[in-house]
C-alpha atoms as a PDB file:
ATOM      1  CA  UNK A   1      56.111 -22.962  56.999  1.00  0.00           C
ATOM      2  CA  UNK A   2      54.410 -26.089  58.278  1.00  0.00           C
ATOM      3  CA  UNK A   3      50.707 -26.289  58.959  1.00  0.00           C
ATOM      4  CA  UNK A   4      51.496 -26.945  62.617  1.00  0.00           C
ATOM      5  CA  UNK A   5      53.406 -23.680  62.899  1.00  0.00           C
ATOM      6  CA  UNK A   6      50.524 -21.778  61.305  1.00  0.00           C
ATOM      7  CA  UNK A   7      48.010 -23.391  63.658  1.00  0.00           C
ATOM      8  CA  UNK A   8      50.054 -22.397  66.693  1.00  0.00           C
ATOM      9  CA  UNK A   9      50.561 -18.801  65.691  1.00  0.00           C
ATOM     10  CA  UNK A  10      48.758 -15.578  65.159  1.00  0.00           C
ATOM     11  CA  UNK A  11      47.132 -14.251  61.995  1.00  0.00           C
ATOM     12  CA  UNK A  12      50.485 -12.620  61.249  1.00  0.00           C
ATOM     13  CA  UNK A  13      52.139 -16.044  61.202  1.00  0.00           C
ATOM     14  CA  UNK A  14      49.488 -17.298  58.811  1.00  0.00           C
ATOM     15  CA  UNK A  15      49.939 -14.242  56.585  1.00  0.00           C
ATOM     16  CA  UNK A  16      53.707 -14.762  56.488  1.00  0.00           C
ATOM     17  CA  UNK A  17      53.108 -18.361  55.430  1.00  0.00           C
ATOM     18  CA  UNK A  18      50.948 -17.023  52.603  1.00  0.00           C
ATOM     19  CA  UNK A  19      53.736 -14.628  51.601  1.00  0.00           C
ATOM     20  CA  UNK A  20      56.157 -17.568  51.430  1.00  0.00           C
ATOM     21  CA  UNK A  21      53.787 -19.487  49.139  1.00  0.00           C
ATOM     22  CA  UNK A  22      53.454 -16.409  46.950  1.00  0.00           C
ATOM     23  CA  UNK A  23      57.248 -16.106  46.765  1.00  0.00           C
ATOM     24  CA  UNK A  24      57.329 -19.714  45.552  1.00  0.00           C
ATOM     25  CA  UNK A  25      54.774 -18.868  42.849  1.00  0.00           C
ATOM     26  CA  UNK A  26      56.824 -15.818  41.807  1.00  0.00           C
ATOM     27  CA  UNK A  27      59.961 -17.962  41.606  1.00  0.00           C
ATOM     28  CA  UNK A  28      58.180 -20.387  39.268  1.00  0.00           C
ATOM     29  CA  UNK A  29      56.933 -17.549  37.056  1.00  0.00           C
ATOM     30  CA  UNK A  30      60.389 -15.962  36.938  1.00  0.00           C
ATOM     31  CA  UNK A  31      61.960 -19.309  35.985  1.00  0.00           C
ATOM     32  CA  UNK A  32      59.435 -19.681  33.174  1.00  0.00           C
ATOM     33  CA  UNK A  33      60.065 -16.124  31.957  1.00  0.00           C
ATOM     34  CA  UNK A  34      63.821 -16.694  32.098  1.00  0.00           C
ATOM     35  CA  UNK A  35      63.508 -19.909  30.095  1.00  0.00           C
ATOM     36  CA  UNK A  36      61.409 -18.237  27.428  1.00  0.00           C
ATOM     37  CA  UNK A  37      63.763 -15.251  27.144  1.00  0.00           C
ATOM     38  CA  UNK A  38      66.882 -17.345  26.454  1.00  0.00           C
ATOM     39  CA  UNK A  39      66.237 -17.330  22.727  1.00  0.00           C
ATOM     40  CA  UNK A  40      65.415 -13.604  22.526  1.00  0.00           C
ATOM     41  CA  UNK A  41      67.994 -12.692  19.907  1.00  0.00           C
ATOM     42  CA  UNK A  42      68.895  -9.060  19.578  1.00  0.00           C
ATOM     43  CA  UNK A  43      67.545  -8.054  22.962  1.00  0.00           C
ATOM     44  CA  UNK A  44      69.321  -4.901  24.013  1.00  0.00           C
ATOM     45  CA  UNK A  45      68.665  -5.363  27.708  1.00  0.00           C
ATOM     46  CA  UNK A  46      68.022  -8.498  29.696  1.00  0.00           C
ATOM     47  CA  UNK A  47      66.274  -8.756  33.020  1.00  0.00           C
ATOM     48  CA  UNK A  48      68.623  -9.767  35.854  1.00  0.00           C
ATOM     49  CA  UNK A  49      66.929 -13.046  36.797  1.00  0.00           C
ATOM     50  CA  UNK A  50      69.777 -14.186  39.053  1.00  0.00           C
ATOM     51  CA  UNK A  51      69.634 -10.914  40.988  1.00  0.00           C
ATOM     52  CA  UNK A  52      65.855 -11.202  41.216  1.00  0.00           C
ATOM     53  CA  UNK A  53      66.158 -14.779  42.521  1.00  0.00           C
ATOM     54  CA  UNK A  54      68.683 -13.578  45.102  1.00  0.00           C
ATOM     55  CA  UNK A  55      66.257 -10.910  46.302  1.00  0.00           C
ATOM     56  CA  UNK A  56      63.477 -13.463  46.671  1.00  0.00           C
ATOM     57  CA  UNK A  57      65.837 -15.751  48.575  1.00  0.00           C
ATOM     58  CA  UNK A  58      66.722 -12.940  51.001  1.00  0.00           C
ATOM     59  CA  UNK A  59      63.025 -12.201  51.526  1.00  0.00           C
ATOM     60  CA  UNK A  60      62.312 -15.866  52.240  1.00  0.00           C
ATOM     61  CA  UNK A  61      65.221 -16.072  54.696  1.00  0.00           C
ATOM     62  CA  UNK A  62      64.012 -12.942  56.510  1.00  0.00           C
ATOM     63  CA  UNK A  63      60.533 -14.391  56.899  1.00  0.00           C
ATOM     64  CA  UNK A  64      61.889 -17.742  58.109  1.00  0.00           C
ATOM     65  CA  UNK A  65      64.142 -15.971  60.600  1.00  0.00           C
ATOM     66  CA  UNK A  66      61.123 -14.223  62.093  1.00  0.00           C
ATOM     67  CA  UNK A  67      59.004 -17.385  62.121  1.00  0.00           C
ATOM     68  CA  UNK A  68      61.673 -19.367  63.972  1.00  0.00           C
ATOM     69  CA  UNK A  69      62.207 -17.639  67.328  1.00  0.00           C
ATOM     70  CA  UNK A  70      65.676 -17.883  68.863  1.00  0.00           C
ATOM     71  CA  UNK A  71      66.106 -20.710  71.307  1.00  0.00           C
ATOM     72  CA  UNK A  72      67.121 -20.085  74.874  1.00  0.00           C
ATOM     73  CA  UNK A  73      70.578 -21.417  75.803  1.00  0.00           C
END
């Protein structure tokens, strides 16, 4: 979300912008965890990082959809 959009909106809009930044931070942490787990030999179970990334992407898209109101025809 741009700073202009946050300045024009309500506290909810600002909070949703914060959520988006937190999603970005979570994505970075998950990428780091995924990179460090590649060499974990003998691991019986592996975390589904691609599924997790997909869930974060869907969350981000939902937030963006609500931040961008539909345009009148």
